[in-house]
């Protein structure tokens, strides 16, 4: 797996864990972030590489800062 794919998969994992932790359904997250349920599912599986704007929308809906997610994964990634 290349470094870029690894980064997106780790971001997806953090987003999905946050969603579960706060008890938000995927449908609700889709509505709040303004993306389709299909696209959201692909993002949360790490199969899609969303834009920074989409990531920010997801983080806003999940009430977490994108910078927090990035700093959490930064130490785990070998670039």
C-alpha atoms as a PDB file:
ATOM      1  CA  UNK A   1       0.000   0.000   0.000  1.00  0.00           C
ATOM      2  CA  UNK A   2       1.398   3.400  -0.919  1.00  0.00           C
ATOM      3  CA  UNK A   3       1.711   6.203   1.652  1.00  0.00           C
ATOM      4  CA  UNK A   4      -1.188   8.238   0.238  1.00  0.00           C
ATOM      5  CA  UNK A   5      -3.589   5.311   0.416  1.00  0.00           C
ATOM      6  CA  UNK A   6      -2.430   4.554   3.952  1.00  0.00           C
ATOM      7  CA  UNK A   7      -3.115   8.150   5.031  1.00  0.00           C
ATOM      8  CA  UNK A   8      -6.649   8.086   3.601  1.00  0.00           C
ATOM      9  CA  UNK A   9      -7.379   4.718   5.209  1.00  0.00           C
ATOM     10  CA  UNK A  10      -6.224   5.980   8.605  1.00  0.00           C
ATOM     11  CA  UNK A  11      -8.337   9.129   8.221  1.00  0.00           C
ATOM     12  CA  UNK A  12     -11.312   6.934   7.290  1.00  0.00           C
ATOM     13  CA  UNK A  13     -10.743   4.784  10.358  1.00  0.00           C
ATOM     14  CA  UNK A  14     -10.650   7.842  12.641  1.00  0.00           C
ATOM     15  CA  UNK A  15     -13.801   9.300  11.083  1.00  0.00           C
ATOM     16  CA  UNK A  16     -15.671   6.014  11.374  1.00  0.00           C
ATOM     17  CA  UNK A  17     -14.578   5.556  14.984  1.00  0.00           C
ATOM     18  CA  UNK A  18     -15.713   9.078  15.853  1.00  0.00           C
ATOM     19  CA  UNK A  19     -19.069   8.435  14.190  1.00  0.00           C
ATOM     20  CA  UNK A  20     -19.541   5.287  16.240  1.00  0.00           C
ATOM     21  CA  UNK A  21     -18.331   6.945  19.463  1.00  0.00           C
ATOM     22  CA  UNK A  22     -20.935   9.697  19.231  1.00  0.00           C
ATOM     23  CA  UNK A  23     -23.681   7.332  18.099  1.00  0.00           C
ATOM     24  CA  UNK A  24     -24.361   8.989  14.765  1.00  0.00           C
ATOM     25  CA  UNK A  25     -25.855   6.965  11.947  1.00  0.00           C
ATOM     26  CA  UNK A  26     -24.226   6.971   8.540  1.00  0.00           C
ATOM     27  CA  UNK A  27     -27.432   8.391   7.118  1.00  0.00           C
ATOM     28  CA  UNK A  28     -27.330  11.336   9.543  1.00  0.00           C
ATOM     29  CA  UNK A  29     -23.649  11.949   8.810  1.00  0.00           C
ATOM     30  CA  UNK A  30     -24.410  11.896   5.102  1.00  0.00           C
ATOM     31  CA  UNK A  31     -27.135  14.510   5.543  1.00  0.00           C
ATOM     32  CA  UNK A  32     -25.080  16.767   7.821  1.00  0.00           C
ATOM     33  CA  UNK A  33     -21.989  16.634   5.622  1.00  0.00           C
ATOM     34  CA  UNK A  34     -23.880  17.049   2.355  1.00  0.00           C
ATOM     35  CA  UNK A  35     -22.542  13.951   0.621  1.00  0.00           C
ATOM     36  CA  UNK A  36     -24.415  10.960  -0.712  1.00  0.00           C
ATOM     37  CA  UNK A  37     -24.692   7.817   1.415  1.00  0.00           C
ATOM     38  CA  UNK A  38     -22.828   5.827  -1.235  1.00  0.00           C
ATOM     39  CA  UNK A  39     -19.924   8.287  -1.329  1.00  0.00           C
ATOM     40  CA  UNK A  40     -19.835   8.408   2.480  1.00  0.00           C
ATOM     41  CA  UNK A  41     -19.693   4.616   2.692  1.00  0.00           C
ATOM     42  CA  UNK A  42     -16.758   4.563   0.265  1.00  0.00           C
ATOM     43  CA  UNK A  43     -14.947   7.282   2.223  1.00  0.00           C
ATOM     44  CA  UNK A  44     -15.452   5.514   5.557  1.00  0.00           C
ATOM     45  CA  UNK A  45     -14.126   2.259   4.088  1.00  0.00           C
ATOM     46  CA  UNK A  46     -11.056   4.091   2.807  1.00  0.00           C
ATOM     47  CA  UNK A  47     -11.937   3.294  -0.797  1.00  0.00           C
ATOM     48  CA  UNK A  48     -12.288   6.955  -1.852  1.00  0.00           C
ATOM     49  CA  UNK A  49      -9.892   9.852  -1.476  1.00  0.00           C
ATOM     50  CA  UNK A  50     -12.134  12.787  -0.572  1.00  0.00           C
ATOM     51  CA  UNK A  51     -11.152  16.397  -1.066  1.00  0.00           C
ATOM     52  CA  UNK A  52     -10.054  18.515   1.878  1.00  0.00           C
ATOM     53  CA  UNK A  53     -13.411  20.319   1.710  1.00  0.00           C
ATOM     54  CA  UNK A  54     -15.299  17.017   2.061  1.00  0.00           C
ATOM     55  CA  UNK A  55     -13.048  16.003   4.954  1.00  0.00           C
ATOM     56  CA  UNK A  56     -13.723  19.337   6.639  1.00  0.00           C
ATOM     57  CA  UNK A  57     -17.476  18.890   6.133  1.00  0.00           C
ATOM     58  CA  UNK A  58     -17.318  15.415   7.659  1.00  0.00           C
ATOM     59  CA  UNK A  59     -15.269  16.672  10.600  1.00  0.00           C
ATOM     60  CA  UNK A  60     -17.677  19.545  11.146  1.00  0.00           C
ATOM     61  CA  UNK A  61     -20.625  17.132  11.194  1.00  0.00           C
ATOM     62  CA  UNK A  62     -18.722  14.932  13.654  1.00  0.00           C
ATOM     63  CA  UNK A  63     -17.678  17.920  15.769  1.00  0.00           C
ATOM     64  CA  UNK A  64     -13.967  17.205  15.483  1.00  0.00           C
ATOM     65  CA  UNK A  65     -11.179  19.200  13.886  1.00  0.00           C
ATOM     66  CA  UNK A  66      -9.460  17.823  10.809  1.00  0.00           C
ATOM     67  CA  UNK A  67      -6.170  19.039  12.292  1.00  0.00           C
ATOM     68  CA  UNK A  68      -6.737  16.753  15.303  1.00  0.00           C
ATOM     69  CA  UNK A  69      -7.237  13.739  13.070  1.00  0.00           C
ATOM     70  CA  UNK A  70      -4.179  14.591  11.009  1.00  0.00           C
ATOM     71  CA  UNK A  71      -2.003  15.089  14.071  1.00  0.00           C
ATOM     72  CA  UNK A  72      -3.193  11.749  15.489  1.00  0.00           C
ATOM     73  CA  UNK A  73      -2.221   9.848  12.362  1.00  0.00           C
ATOM     74  CA  UNK A  74       0.955  11.791  11.605  1.00  0.00           C
ATOM     75  CA  UNK A  75       3.027   9.836  14.106  1.00  0.00           C
ATOM     76  CA  UNK A  76       1.727   6.491  12.743  1.00  0.00           C
ATOM     77  CA  UNK A  77       2.607   7.061   9.093  1.00  0.00           C
ATOM     78  CA  UNK A  78       5.966   6.204   7.589  1.00  0.00           C
ATOM     79  CA  UNK A  79       6.359   8.577   4.655  1.00  0.00           C
END
